[in-house]
Amino acid sequence: MRDYPLVQLTLTRMREFYREPEAIFWVFGFPIVLAFALGIAFRNRGPGELQVAVVRAAGDSALVRMLGATPGLAVTLLDSGEARLELRTGRVALAVTPGPTLVYRYDSTRTESRLARLEVDQAVQRARGRVDPALVRDERVTEPGSRYIDFLIPGLLGMNLMGSGLWGVGFSVVQARTKKLLKRFMATPMRRSHYLMSFILSRLVFLFLEIAALVGFGWVMFRVGVRGSVVTLAGITVLGALAFAGLGLLVASRARTIEAVSGLMNLVMLPMWILSGTFFSYARFPQAMQPLVRALPLTALNDALRAVMIDGAALGQLATPLLIVAGWGVVSFGIALRIFRWR
């Protein structure tokens, strides 16, 4: 067993990894730091007070008192020029000019501005005697899985699988090529497939530690749970790690310098960082872009991870995204095996 080349190559890849403190931090530490920072920044704490400016004019004092007594509004009395400046720079959401006809000045593309307009108008109309014709009752709920941190943790897990697969595999291959190690390997009876497979197998060894670290941190700090099967989640992450390891091998199969592979890695990763819904939903992009976005491996992986962790989806419900991820992995590894160069 000790003489089997694939086993020895895999052990070598593992030693290369855990002897690099920087690699350990970027694989295990960085996603946790990012999850902590974003989880604190976007934790559920309500919308906060809406900043409203009242423009100095006849009747401004009464309007300031009335709006100041309305919960959720923070009112400031400003001159016309100051109010325009504060509105333009985003420091206030709405500027109200008193008079026989109230004037609401706001940016309709800003969600908080539209909300401030509704809150202020409701307060003004009720103060002037409006009676709502229909009785309503509010029931405020907070569903598990609806928080930003619940959306973020699966995205960070997918991003980590992509980053460690591409950089951990591709960078190591090119580094060995620049040091002339691949040229020496070429003179041995070692198979090309064994060399490439050793990178993929070594990734699997550390994979479950990555999952446990990030998902465990999310549960301890923010009570982010896994509604679906843990086994299904583990299987999806294994598939994702294999796919991105294959993509990393493809990118590094011909690159001769560290600079070249770094540029290729960024070229592959940057579109997925932006488009694949790691930090915000990709539904924000135009409808014409959706087929392209959904075909990206990180998009499909994030969709599958969120379906299991948030929705509790079963494996049979994830056929489409898993086939996309698997297709990228198989095709990437197959092409890499054919075009790989030792020199």
C-alpha atoms as a PDB file:
ATOM      1  CA  MET A   1       0.000   0.000   0.000  1.00  0.00           C
ATOM      2  CA  ARG A   2       2.842   2.381   0.838  1.00  0.00           C
ATOM      3  CA  ASP A   3       4.286   1.903  -2.634  1.00  0.00           C
ATOM      4  CA  TYR A   4       1.073   2.700  -4.459  1.00  0.00           C
ATOM      5  CA  PRO A   5       1.810   5.975  -6.308  1.00  0.00           C
ATOM      6  CA  LEU A   6      -1.648   7.533  -5.990  1.00  0.00           C
ATOM      7  CA  VAL A   7      -1.602   7.095  -2.188  1.00  0.00           C
ATOM      8  CA  GLN A   8       1.852   8.629  -1.855  1.00  0.00           C
ATOM      9  CA  LEU A   9       0.980  11.537  -4.136  1.00  0.00           C
ATOM     10  CA  THR A  10      -2.184  12.236  -2.146  1.00  0.00           C
ATOM     11  CA  LEU A  11      -0.223  12.216   1.127  1.00  0.00           C
ATOM     12  CA  THR A  12       2.272  14.616  -0.430  1.00  0.00           C
ATOM     13  CA  ARG A  13      -0.509  17.025  -1.411  1.00  0.00           C
ATOM     14  CA  MET A  14      -1.856  16.907   2.161  1.00  0.00           C
ATOM     15  CA  ARG A  15       1.565  17.642   3.664  1.00  0.00           C
ATOM     16  CA  GLU A  16       2.013  20.581   1.313  1.00  0.00           C
ATOM     17  CA  PHE A  17      -1.282  22.003   2.557  1.00  0.00           C
ATOM     18  CA  TYR A  18      -0.988  21.699   6.327  1.00  0.00           C
ATOM     19  CA  ARG A  19       2.599  22.955   6.311  1.00  0.00           C
ATOM     20  CA  GLU A  20       1.391  26.308   4.940  1.00  0.00           C
ATOM     21  CA  PRO A  21      -0.203  28.456   7.694  1.00  0.00           C
ATOM     22  CA  GLU A  22      -1.464  30.953   5.102  1.00  0.00           C
ATOM     23  CA  ALA A  23      -3.364  28.244   3.240  1.00  0.00           C
ATOM     24  CA  ILE A  24      -4.965  27.009   6.466  1.00  0.00           C
ATOM     25  CA  PHE A  25      -6.152  30.528   7.291  1.00  0.00           C
ATOM     26  CA  TRP A  26      -7.666  31.187   3.850  1.00  0.00           C
ATOM     27  CA  VAL A  27      -9.439  27.816   3.784  1.00  0.00           C
ATOM     28  CA  PHE A  28     -10.683  27.667   7.390  1.00  0.00           C
ATOM     29  CA  GLY A  29     -10.251  31.090   8.963  1.00  0.00           C
ATOM     30  CA  PHE A  30     -11.259  33.594   6.287  1.00  0.00           C
ATOM     31  CA  PRO A  31     -14.818  32.271   5.646  1.00  0.00           C
ATOM     32  CA  ILE A  32     -15.483  32.310   9.409  1.00  0.00           C
ATOM     33  CA  VAL A  33     -14.187  35.877   9.776  1.00  0.00           C
ATOM     34  CA  LEU A  34     -16.304  36.942   6.799  1.00  0.00           C
ATOM     35  CA  ALA A  35     -19.399  35.180   8.165  1.00  0.00           C
ATOM     36  CA  PHE A  36     -18.918  36.822  11.562  1.00  0.00           C
ATOM     37  CA  ALA A  37     -18.469  40.328  10.136  1.00  0.00           C
ATOM     38  CA  LEU A  38     -21.396  40.133   7.699  1.00  0.00           C
ATOM     39  CA  GLY A  39     -23.599  38.312  10.188  1.00  0.00           C
ATOM     40  CA  ILE A  40     -23.110  41.087  12.738  1.00  0.00           C
ATOM     41  CA  ALA A  41     -23.536  43.855  10.157  1.00  0.00           C
ATOM     42  CA  PHE A  42     -26.769  42.411   8.720  1.00  0.00           C
ATOM     43  CA  ARG A  43     -28.272  40.818  11.820  1.00  0.00           C
ATOM     44  CA  ASN A  44     -32.041  41.155  12.339  1.00  0.00           C
ATOM     45  CA  ARG A  45     -32.451  44.379  14.266  1.00  0.00           C
ATOM     46  CA  GLY A  46     -35.334  46.068  12.435  1.00  0.00           C
ATOM     47  CA  PRO A  47     -35.147  48.835   9.867  1.00  0.00           C
ATOM     48  CA  GLY A  48     -34.022  51.487  12.391  1.00  0.00           C
ATOM     49  CA  GLU A  49     -35.209  55.085  12.357  1.00  0.00           C
ATOM     50  CA  LEU A  50     -35.965  56.742   9.034  1.00  0.00           C
ATOM     51  CA  GLN A  51     -34.232  60.095   8.693  1.00  0.00           C
ATOM     52  CA  VAL A  52     -36.646  62.844   7.570  1.00  0.00           C
ATOM     53  CA  ALA A  53     -35.881  66.530   6.916  1.00  0.00           C
ATOM     54  CA  VAL A  54     -38.538  69.231   7.301  1.00  0.00           C
ATOM     55  CA  VAL A  55     -37.779  72.330   5.199  1.00  0.00           C
ATOM     56  CA  ARG A  56     -38.074  75.686   6.992  1.00  0.00           C
ATOM     57  CA  ALA A  57     -41.358  77.323   5.938  1.00  0.00           C
ATOM     58  CA  ALA A  58     -44.661  78.442   7.409  1.00  0.00           C
ATOM     59  CA  GLY A  59     -46.031  75.701   9.675  1.00  0.00           C
ATOM     60  CA  ASP A  60     -42.733  73.835  10.019  1.00  0.00           C
ATOM     61  CA  SER A  61     -42.802  73.741  13.862  1.00  0.00           C
ATOM     62  CA  ALA A  62     -46.151  71.952  14.048  1.00  0.00           C
ATOM     63  CA  LEU A  63     -45.054  69.477  11.388  1.00  0.00           C
ATOM     64  CA  VAL A  64     -41.786  68.741  13.218  1.00  0.00           C
ATOM     65  CA  ARG A  65     -43.646  68.117  16.501  1.00  0.00           C
ATOM     66  CA  MET A  66     -46.195  65.847  14.855  1.00  0.00           C
ATOM     67  CA  LEU A  67     -43.670  63.773  12.898  1.00  0.00           C
ATOM     68  CA  GLY A  68     -41.245  63.697  15.843  1.00  0.00           C
ATOM     69  CA  ALA A  69     -43.919  61.964  17.905  1.00  0.00           C
ATOM     70  CA  THR A  70     -44.275  59.237  15.283  1.00  0.00           C
ATOM     71  CA  PRO A  71     -42.338  56.038  16.163  1.00  0.00           C
ATOM     72  CA  GLY A  72     -39.638  55.137  13.672  1.00  0.00           C
ATOM     73  CA  LEU A  73     -39.059  58.664  12.343  1.00  0.00           C
ATOM     74  CA  ALA A  74     -36.091  60.913  13.179  1.00  0.00           C
ATOM     75  CA  VAL A  75     -36.939  64.469  12.130  1.00  0.00           C
ATOM     76  CA  THR A  76     -34.563  67.378  11.488  1.00  0.00           C
ATOM     77  CA  LEU A  77     -35.481  70.977  10.618  1.00  0.00           C
ATOM     78  CA  LEU A  78     -33.267  72.292   7.790  1.00  0.00           C
ATOM     79  CA  ASP A  79     -33.067  75.130   5.295  1.00  0.00           C
ATOM     80  CA  SER A  80     -34.028  74.307   1.714  1.00  0.00           C
ATOM     81  CA  GLY A  81     -30.429  74.095   0.487  1.00  0.00           C
ATOM     82  CA  GLU A  82     -29.338  71.954   3.434  1.00  0.00           C
ATOM     83  CA  ALA A  83     -32.276  69.599   2.929  1.00  0.00           C
ATOM     84  CA  ARG A  84     -31.413  69.130  -0.755  1.00  0.00           C
ATOM     85  CA  LEU A  85     -27.774  68.410   0.126  1.00  0.00           C
ATOM     86  CA  GLU A  86     -28.690  65.916   2.855  1.00  0.00           C
ATOM     87  CA  LEU A  87     -31.101  64.173   0.494  1.00  0.00           C
ATOM     88  CA  ARG A  88     -28.558  64.047  -2.337  1.00  0.00           C
ATOM     89  CA  THR A  89     -25.864  62.553  -0.090  1.00  0.00           C
ATOM     90  CA  GLY A  90     -28.236  59.958   1.377  1.00  0.00           C
ATOM     91  CA  ARG A  91     -28.186  61.299   4.948  1.00  0.00           C
ATOM     92  CA  VAL A  92     -31.948  61.731   4.925  1.00  0.00           C
ATOM     93  CA  ALA A  93     -34.500  59.574   3.148  1.00  0.00           C
ATOM     94  CA  LEU A  94     -37.171  62.237   2.626  1.00  0.00           C
ATOM     95  CA  ALA A  95     -37.496  66.044   2.619  1.00  0.00           C
ATOM     96  CA  VAL A  96     -40.924  67.509   3.447  1.00  0.00           C
ATOM     97  CA  THR A  97     -41.850  71.099   2.592  1.00  0.00           C
ATOM     98  CA  PRO A  98     -44.834  72.416   4.652  1.00  0.00           C
ATOM     99  CA  GLY A  99     -47.639  74.448   3.114  1.00  0.00           C
ATOM    100  CA  PRO A 100     -51.265  74.144   1.994  1.00  0.00           C
ATOM    101  CA  THR A 101     -49.992  71.292  -0.162  1.00  0.00           C
ATOM    102  CA  LEU A 102     -47.205  69.214   1.389  1.00  0.00           C
ATOM    103  CA  VAL A 103     -44.308  68.491  -0.977  1.00  0.00           C
ATOM    104  CA  TYR A 104     -42.443  65.208  -0.567  1.00  0.00           C
ATOM    105  CA  ARG A 105     -39.009  65.221  -2.167  1.00  0.00           C
ATOM    106  CA  TYR A 106     -37.325  61.803  -2.319  1.00  0.00           C
ATOM    107  CA  ASP A 107     -35.447  59.334  -4.520  1.00  0.00           C
ATOM    108  CA  SER A 108     -37.965  56.722  -5.619  1.00  0.00           C
ATOM    109  CA  THR A 109     -35.184  54.220  -6.374  1.00  0.00           C
ATOM    110  CA  ARG A 110     -34.235  54.019  -2.671  1.00  0.00           C
ATOM    111  CA  THR A 111     -36.285  51.590  -0.607  1.00  0.00           C
ATOM    112  CA  GLU A 112     -35.897  53.624   2.599  1.00  0.00           C
ATOM    113  CA  SER A 113     -37.078  56.769   0.785  1.00  0.00           C
ATOM    114  CA  ARG A 114     -40.278  55.096  -0.395  1.00  0.00           C
ATOM    115  CA  LEU A 115     -40.850  53.708   3.092  1.00  0.00           C
ATOM    116  CA  ALA A 116     -40.261  57.140   4.679  1.00  0.00           C
ATOM    117  CA  ARG A 117     -42.749  58.700   2.269  1.00  0.00           C
ATOM    118  CA  LEU A 118     -45.425  56.174   3.245  1.00  0.00           C
ATOM    119  CA  GLU A 119     -44.770  56.549   6.993  1.00  0.00           C
ATOM    120  CA  VAL A 120     -44.795  60.352   6.886  1.00  0.00           C
ATOM    121  CA  ASP A 121     -47.918  60.551   4.732  1.00  0.00           C
ATOM    122  CA  GLN A 122     -49.747  58.121   6.985  1.00  0.00           C
ATOM    123  CA  ALA A 123     -48.850  60.190  10.059  1.00  0.00           C
ATOM    124  CA  VAL A 124     -49.911  63.446   8.364  1.00  0.00           C
ATOM    125  CA  GLN A 125     -53.220  62.083   7.085  1.00  0.00           C
ATOM    126  CA  ARG A 126     -54.203  60.614  10.437  1.00  0.00           C
ATOM    127  CA  ALA A 127     -53.262  63.832  12.222  1.00  0.00           C
ATOM    128  CA  ARG A 128     -55.677  65.659   9.903  1.00  0.00           C
ATOM    129  CA  GLY A 129     -58.562  63.352  10.715  1.00  0.00           C
ATOM    130  CA  ARG A 130     -58.366  60.458   8.254  1.00  0.00           C
ATOM    131  CA  VAL A 131     -60.242  57.363   9.430  1.00  0.00           C
ATOM    132  CA  ASP A 132     -59.279  54.011   7.897  1.00  0.00           C
ATOM    133  CA  PRO A 133     -62.398  52.309   6.467  1.00  0.00           C
ATOM    134  CA  ALA A 134     -61.049  48.800   7.085  1.00  0.00           C
ATOM    135  CA  LEU A 135     -59.857  47.369  10.391  1.00  0.00           C
ATOM    136  CA  VAL A 136     -56.538  45.581  10.176  1.00  0.00           C
ATOM    137  CA  ARG A 137     -54.334  43.661  12.577  1.00  0.00           C
ATOM    138  CA  ASP A 138     -50.579  43.099  12.265  1.00  0.00           C
ATOM    139  CA  GLU A 139     -49.011  39.711  13.015  1.00  0.00           C
ATOM    140  CA  ARG A 140     -45.214  40.081  12.927  1.00  0.00           C
ATOM    141  CA  VAL A 141     -43.242  36.856  12.527  1.00  0.00           C
ATOM    142  CA  THR A 142     -39.594  35.939  12.051  1.00  0.00           C
ATOM    143  CA  GLU A 143     -39.254  32.635  10.217  1.00  0.00           C
ATOM    144  CA  PRO A 144     -36.077  30.537  10.588  1.00  0.00           C
ATOM    145  CA  GLY A 145     -34.116  30.719   7.371  1.00  0.00           C
ATOM    146  CA  SER A 146     -35.362  34.185   6.416  1.00  0.00           C
ATOM    147  CA  ARG A 147     -32.426  36.123   7.872  1.00  0.00           C
ATOM    148  CA  TYR A 148     -29.523  37.380   5.799  1.00  0.00           C
ATOM    149  CA  ILE A 149     -27.078  35.166   7.723  1.00  0.00           C
ATOM    150  CA  ASP A 150     -29.162  32.095   6.767  1.00  0.00           C
ATOM    151  CA  PHE A 151     -28.765  33.121   3.130  1.00  0.00           C
ATOM    152  CA  LEU A 152     -25.079  33.982   3.565  1.00  0.00           C
ATOM    153  CA  ILE A 153     -23.650  30.814   5.173  1.00  0.00           C
ATOM    154  CA  PRO A 154     -24.462  28.456   2.239  1.00  0.00           C
ATOM    155  CA  GLY A 155     -23.096  31.068  -0.168  1.00  0.00           C
ATOM    156  CA  LEU A 156     -19.849  31.341   1.797  1.00  0.00           C
ATOM    157  CA  LEU A 157     -19.592  27.552   1.855  1.00  0.00           C
ATOM    158  CA  GLY A 158     -19.943  27.431  -1.931  1.00  0.00           C
ATOM    159  CA  MET A 159     -17.466  30.278  -2.361  1.00  0.00           C
ATOM    160  CA  ASN A 160     -14.968  28.495  -0.117  1.00  0.00           C
ATOM    161  CA  LEU A 161     -15.294  25.285  -2.115  1.00  0.00           C
ATOM    162  CA  MET A 162     -14.665  27.234  -5.306  1.00  0.00           C
ATOM    163  CA  GLY A 163     -11.684  29.164  -3.936  1.00  0.00           C
ATOM    164  CA  SER A 164      -9.926  26.248  -2.287  1.00  0.00           C
ATOM    165  CA  GLY A 165     -10.581  24.017  -5.307  1.00  0.00           C
ATOM    166  CA  LEU A 166      -9.274  26.471  -7.877  1.00  0.00           C
ATOM    167  CA  TRP A 167      -6.415  28.058  -5.944  1.00  0.00           C
ATOM    168  CA  GLY A 168      -5.447  25.018  -3.893  1.00  0.00           C
ATOM    169  CA  VAL A 169      -5.164  22.812  -6.962  1.00  0.00           C
ATOM    170  CA  GLY A 170      -4.260  25.165  -9.796  1.00  0.00           C
ATOM    171  CA  PHE A 171      -1.671  27.180  -7.901  1.00  0.00           C
ATOM    172  CA  SER A 172       0.109  24.049  -6.658  1.00  0.00           C
ATOM    173  CA  VAL A 173       0.355  22.572 -10.158  1.00  0.00           C
ATOM    174  CA  VAL A 174       1.847  25.710 -11.678  1.00  0.00           C
ATOM    175  CA  GLN A 175       4.198  26.186  -8.740  1.00  0.00           C
ATOM    176  CA  ALA A 176       5.543  22.668  -9.301  1.00  0.00           C
ATOM    177  CA  ARG A 177       5.872  23.418 -13.022  1.00  0.00           C
ATOM    178  CA  THR A 178       7.869  26.610 -12.421  1.00  0.00           C
ATOM    179  CA  LYS A 179      10.200  24.736 -10.035  1.00  0.00           C
ATOM    180  CA  LYS A 180      10.827  22.067 -12.721  1.00  0.00           C
ATOM    181  CA  LEU A 181       9.305  19.388 -10.495  1.00  0.00           C
ATOM    182  CA  LEU A 182       6.841  18.323 -13.175  1.00  0.00           C
ATOM    183  CA  LYS A 183       9.713  17.794 -15.566  1.00  0.00           C
ATOM    184  CA  ARG A 184      11.248  15.355 -13.092  1.00  0.00           C
ATOM    185  CA  PHE A 185       7.929  13.605 -12.547  1.00  0.00           C
ATOM    186  CA  MET A 186       7.677  13.103 -16.302  1.00  0.00           C
ATOM    187  CA  ALA A 187      10.762  10.887 -16.166  1.00  0.00           C
ATOM    188  CA  THR A 188       9.102   8.528 -13.660  1.00  0.00           C
ATOM    189  CA  PRO A 189       6.602   5.762 -14.469  1.00  0.00           C
ATOM    190  CA  MET A 190       3.909   7.780 -12.667  1.00  0.00           C
ATOM    191  CA  ARG A 191       0.692   8.151 -14.623  1.00  0.00           C
ATOM    192  CA  ARG A 192      -0.646  11.578 -15.457  1.00  0.00           C
ATOM    193  CA  SER A 193      -4.070  10.579 -14.113  1.00  0.00           C
ATOM    194  CA  HIS A 194      -2.519   9.590 -10.749  1.00  0.00           C
ATOM    195  CA  TYR A 195      -0.839  12.954 -10.405  1.00  0.00           C
ATOM    196  CA  LEU A 196      -4.011  14.873 -11.154  1.00  0.00           C
ATOM    197  CA  MET A 197      -6.236  12.628  -9.042  1.00  0.00           C
ATOM    198  CA  SER A 198      -3.957  13.096  -6.032  1.00  0.00           C
ATOM    199  CA  PHE A 199      -4.948  16.777  -5.893  1.00  0.00           C
ATOM    200  CA  ILE A 200      -8.632  15.916  -5.946  1.00  0.00           C
ATOM    201  CA  LEU A 201      -8.342  13.203  -3.262  1.00  0.00           C
ATOM    202  CA  SER A 202      -6.306  15.432  -0.947  1.00  0.00           C
ATOM    203  CA  ARG A 203      -9.041  18.090  -1.242  1.00  0.00           C
ATOM    204  CA  LEU A 204     -11.615  15.571  -0.035  1.00  0.00           C
ATOM    205  CA  VAL A 205      -9.641  14.840   3.135  1.00  0.00           C
ATOM    206  CA  PHE A 206      -9.851  18.459   4.300  1.00  0.00           C
ATOM    207  CA  LEU A 207     -13.332  19.017   2.917  1.00  0.00           C
ATOM    208  CA  PHE A 208     -15.286  17.813   5.924  1.00  0.00           C
ATOM    209  CA  LEU A 209     -13.174  19.954   8.242  1.00  0.00           C
ATOM    210  CA  GLU A 210     -14.086  22.989   6.119  1.00  0.00           C
ATOM    211  CA  ILE A 211     -17.782  22.134   6.293  1.00  0.00           C
ATOM    212  CA  ALA A 212     -17.716  21.490  10.037  1.00  0.00           C
ATOM    213  CA  ALA A 213     -15.823  24.714  10.737  1.00  0.00           C
ATOM    214  CA  LEU A 214     -18.103  27.044   8.768  1.00  0.00           C
ATOM    215  CA  VAL A 215     -21.478  25.386   9.377  1.00  0.00           C
ATOM    216  CA  GLY A 216     -20.589  24.784  13.032  1.00  0.00           C
ATOM    217  CA  PHE A 217     -19.621  28.432  13.474  1.00  0.00           C
ATOM    218  CA  GLY A 218     -22.885  29.547  11.870  1.00  0.00           C
ATOM    219  CA  TRP A 219     -24.888  27.382  14.250  1.00  0.00           C
ATOM    220  CA  VAL A 220     -23.001  28.398  17.407  1.00  0.00           C
ATOM    221  CA  MET A 221     -22.944  32.143  16.693  1.00  0.00           C
ATOM    222  CA  PHE A 222     -26.187  32.718  14.759  1.00  0.00           C
ATOM    223  CA  ARG A 223     -28.194  29.491  15.136  1.00  0.00           C
ATOM    224  CA  VAL A 224     -27.998  28.765  11.404  1.00  0.00           C
ATOM    225  CA  GLY A 225     -29.284  25.213  11.120  1.00  0.00           C
ATOM    226  CA  VAL A 226     -29.520  22.540   8.449  1.00  0.00           C
ATOM    227  CA  ARG A 227     -33.164  21.744   7.781  1.00  0.00           C
ATOM    228  CA  GLY A 228     -32.425  18.967   5.332  1.00  0.00           C
ATOM    229  CA  SER A 229     -30.310  15.843   5.575  1.00  0.00           C
ATOM    230  CA  VAL A 230     -26.733  16.305   6.756  1.00  0.00           C
ATOM    231  CA  VAL A 231     -25.734  13.366   4.538  1.00  0.00           C
ATOM    232  CA  THR A 232     -27.237  15.111   1.512  1.00  0.00           C
ATOM    233  CA  LEU A 233     -25.394  18.297   2.425  1.00  0.00           C
ATOM    234  CA  ALA A 234     -22.122  16.378   2.713  1.00  0.00           C
ATOM    235  CA  GLY A 235     -22.689  14.724  -0.664  1.00  0.00           C
ATOM    236  CA  ILE A 236     -23.345  18.070  -2.349  1.00  0.00           C
ATOM    237  CA  THR A 237     -20.173  19.584  -0.900  1.00  0.00           C
ATOM    238  CA  VAL A 238     -18.120  16.589  -2.072  1.00  0.00           C
ATOM    239  CA  LEU A 239     -19.531  16.994  -5.570  1.00  0.00           C
ATOM    240  CA  GLY A 240     -18.807  20.732  -5.501  1.00  0.00           C
ATOM    241  CA  ALA A 241     -15.244  20.196  -4.286  1.00  0.00           C
ATOM    242  CA  LEU A 242     -14.589  17.659  -7.046  1.00  0.00           C
ATOM    243  CA  ALA A 243     -16.049  19.943  -9.710  1.00  0.00           C
ATOM    244  CA  PHE A 244     -13.945  22.949  -8.724  1.00  0.00           C
ATOM    245  CA  ALA A 245     -10.833  20.813  -8.309  1.00  0.00           C
ATOM    246  CA  GLY A 246     -11.350  19.663 -11.898  1.00  0.00           C
ATOM    247  CA  LEU A 247     -11.809  23.266 -12.989  1.00  0.00           C
ATOM    248  CA  GLY A 248      -8.611  24.215 -11.163  1.00  0.00           C
ATOM    249  CA  LEU A 249      -6.698  21.479 -12.985  1.00  0.00           C
ATOM    250  CA  LEU A 250      -8.058  22.684 -16.316  1.00  0.00           C
ATOM    251  CA  VAL A 251      -6.969  26.274 -15.661  1.00  0.00           C
ATOM    252  CA  ALA A 252      -3.489  25.142 -14.595  1.00  0.00           C
ATOM    253  CA  SER A 253      -2.978  22.507 -17.288  1.00  0.00           C
ATOM    254  CA  ARG A 254      -1.020  24.832 -19.607  1.00  0.00           C
ATOM    255  CA  ALA A 255      -0.069  27.861 -17.483  1.00  0.00           C
ATOM    256  CA  ARG A 256       3.702  28.263 -17.098  1.00  0.00           C
ATOM    257  CA  THR A 257       4.020  31.082 -14.559  1.00  0.00           C
ATOM    258  CA  ILE A 258       2.396  32.085 -11.296  1.00  0.00           C
ATOM    259  CA  GLU A 259       1.300  35.374 -12.881  1.00  0.00           C
ATOM    260  CA  ALA A 260      -0.406  33.556 -15.745  1.00  0.00           C
ATOM    261  CA  VAL A 261      -2.352  31.162 -13.526  1.00  0.00           C
ATOM    262  CA  SER A 262      -3.314  33.993 -11.152  1.00  0.00           C
ATOM    263  CA  GLY A 263      -4.821  35.922 -14.057  1.00  0.00           C
ATOM    264  CA  LEU A 264      -6.673  32.858 -15.314  1.00  0.00           C
ATOM    265  CA  MET A 265      -7.991  32.081 -11.826  1.00  0.00           C
ATOM    266  CA  ASN A 266      -9.331  35.599 -11.420  1.00  0.00           C
ATOM    267  CA  LEU A 267     -10.853  35.447 -14.899  1.00  0.00           C
ATOM    268  CA  VAL A 268     -12.747  32.276 -13.922  1.00  0.00           C
ATOM    269  CA  MET A 269     -13.680  33.274 -10.372  1.00  0.00           C
ATOM    270  CA  LEU A 270     -14.630  36.937 -10.725  1.00  0.00           C
ATOM    271  CA  PRO A 271     -17.816  36.392 -12.790  1.00  0.00           C
ATOM    272  CA  MET A 272     -18.983  33.797 -10.269  1.00  0.00           C
ATOM    273  CA  TRP A 273     -18.175  36.068  -7.318  1.00  0.00           C
ATOM    274  CA  ILE A 274     -20.449  38.708  -8.843  1.00  0.00           C
ATOM    275  CA  LEU A 275     -23.155  36.683 -10.575  1.00  0.00           C
ATOM    276  CA  SER A 276     -23.648  33.489  -8.594  1.00  0.00           C
ATOM    277  CA  GLY A 277     -25.572  34.792  -5.591  1.00  0.00           C
ATOM    278  CA  THR A 278     -22.969  34.452  -2.853  1.00  0.00           C
ATOM    279  CA  PHE A 279     -23.747  37.726  -1.072  1.00  0.00           C
ATOM    280  CA  PHE A 280     -27.065  38.691  -2.704  1.00  0.00           C
ATOM    281  CA  SER A 281     -29.678  36.986  -4.863  1.00  0.00           C
ATOM    282  CA  TYR A 282     -28.828  36.635  -8.543  1.00  0.00           C
ATOM    283  CA  ALA A 283     -32.512  37.335  -9.277  1.00  0.00           C
ATOM    284  CA  ARG A 284     -31.482  41.016  -9.258  1.00  0.00           C
ATOM    285  CA  PHE A 285     -29.842  40.569 -12.654  1.00  0.00           C
ATOM    286  CA  PRO A 286     -31.896  41.081 -15.857  1.00  0.00           C
ATOM    287  CA  GLN A 287     -34.049  38.202 -17.053  1.00  0.00           C
ATOM    288  CA  ALA A 288     -31.981  37.881 -20.233  1.00  0.00           C
ATOM    289  CA  MET A 289     -28.910  37.015 -18.123  1.00  0.00           C
ATOM    290  CA  GLN A 290     -30.618  34.369 -15.989  1.00  0.00           C
ATOM    291  CA  PRO A 291     -29.863  31.325 -18.222  1.00  0.00           C
ATOM    292  CA  LEU A 292     -26.158  32.222 -18.252  1.00  0.00           C
ATOM    293  CA  VAL A 293     -26.094  32.873 -14.502  1.00  0.00           C
ATOM    294  CA  ARG A 294     -27.874  29.613 -13.685  1.00  0.00           C
ATOM    295  CA  ALA A 295     -25.429  27.651 -15.865  1.00  0.00           C
ATOM    296  CA  LEU A 296     -22.433  28.700 -13.739  1.00  0.00           C
ATOM    297  CA  PRO A 297     -21.189  25.966 -11.385  1.00  0.00           C
ATOM    298  CA  LEU A 298     -21.140  28.189  -8.296  1.00  0.00           C
ATOM    299  CA  THR A 299     -24.729  29.302  -8.918  1.00  0.00           C
ATOM    300  CA  ALA A 300     -25.911  25.704  -9.141  1.00  0.00           C
ATOM    301  CA  LEU A 301     -23.883  24.727  -6.065  1.00  0.00           C
ATOM    302  CA  ASN A 302     -25.221  27.653  -4.007  1.00  0.00           C
ATOM    303  CA  ASP A 303     -28.786  26.827  -5.061  1.00  0.00           C
ATOM    304  CA  ALA A 304     -28.359  23.211  -3.962  1.00  0.00           C
ATOM    305  CA  LEU A 305     -26.721  24.139  -0.641  1.00  0.00           C
ATOM    306  CA  ARG A 306     -29.459  26.673   0.195  1.00  0.00           C
ATOM    307  CA  ALA A 307     -32.196  24.243  -0.828  1.00  0.00           C
ATOM    308  CA  VAL A 308     -30.910  21.703   1.709  1.00  0.00           C
ATOM    309  CA  MET A 309     -29.936  24.083   4.527  1.00  0.00           C
ATOM    310  CA  ILE A 310     -32.871  26.526   4.318  1.00  0.00           C
ATOM    311  CA  ASP A 311     -35.720  24.655   2.599  1.00  0.00           C
ATOM    312  CA  GLY A 312     -34.917  21.109   3.739  1.00  0.00           C
ATOM    313  CA  ALA A 313     -35.017  19.801   0.164  1.00  0.00           C
ATOM    314  CA  ALA A 314     -34.391  16.123  -0.512  1.00  0.00           C
ATOM    315  CA  LEU A 315     -31.744  14.860  -2.913  1.00  0.00           C
ATOM    316  CA  GLY A 316     -34.321  14.007  -5.592  1.00  0.00           C
ATOM    317  CA  GLN A 317     -35.415  17.659  -5.789  1.00  0.00           C
ATOM    318  CA  LEU A 318     -31.913  18.841  -6.702  1.00  0.00           C
ATOM    319  CA  ALA A 319     -31.365  16.993  -9.978  1.00  0.00           C
ATOM    320  CA  THR A 320     -30.888  20.084 -12.157  1.00  0.00           C
ATOM    321  CA  PRO A 321     -28.290  21.988 -10.093  1.00  0.00           C
ATOM    322  CA  LEU A 322     -26.375  18.815  -9.249  1.00  0.00           C
ATOM    323  CA  LEU A 323     -26.202  17.783 -12.907  1.00  0.00           C
ATOM    324  CA  ILE A 324     -24.815  21.228 -13.762  1.00  0.00           C
ATOM    325  CA  VAL A 325     -22.124  20.939 -11.074  1.00  0.00           C
ATOM    326  CA  ALA A 326     -21.260  17.374 -12.058  1.00  0.00           C
ATOM    327  CA  GLY A 327     -21.128  18.305 -15.738  1.00  0.00           C
ATOM    328  CA  TRP A 328     -18.615  21.086 -15.082  1.00  0.00           C
ATOM    329  CA  GLY A 329     -16.448  18.722 -13.029  1.00  0.00           C
ATOM    330  CA  VAL A 330     -16.447  15.833 -15.506  1.00  0.00           C
ATOM    331  CA  VAL A 331     -15.822  17.998 -18.558  1.00  0.00           C
ATOM    332  CA  SER A 332     -13.109  20.059 -16.833  1.00  0.00           C
ATOM    333  CA  PHE A 333     -11.206  17.037 -15.563  1.00  0.00           C
ATOM    334  CA  GLY A 334     -11.532  15.230 -18.919  1.00  0.00           C
ATOM    335  CA  ILE A 335     -10.153  18.198 -20.866  1.00  0.00           C
ATOM    336  CA  ALA A 336      -7.406  18.794 -18.295  1.00  0.00           C
ATOM    337  CA  LEU A 337      -6.313  15.157 -18.592  1.00  0.00           C
ATOM    338  CA  ARG A 338      -5.983  15.506 -22.363  1.00  0.00           C
ATOM    339  CA  ILE A 339      -4.207  18.870 -22.599  1.00  0.00           C
ATOM    340  CA  PHE A 340      -2.055  18.727 -19.440  1.00  0.00           C
ATOM    341  CA  ARG A 341       1.615  19.563 -20.026  1.00  0.00           C
ATOM    342  CA  TRP A 342       4.453  18.546 -17.724  1.00  0.00           C
ATOM    343  CA  ARG A 343       6.757  21.287 -18.984  1.00  0.00           C
END
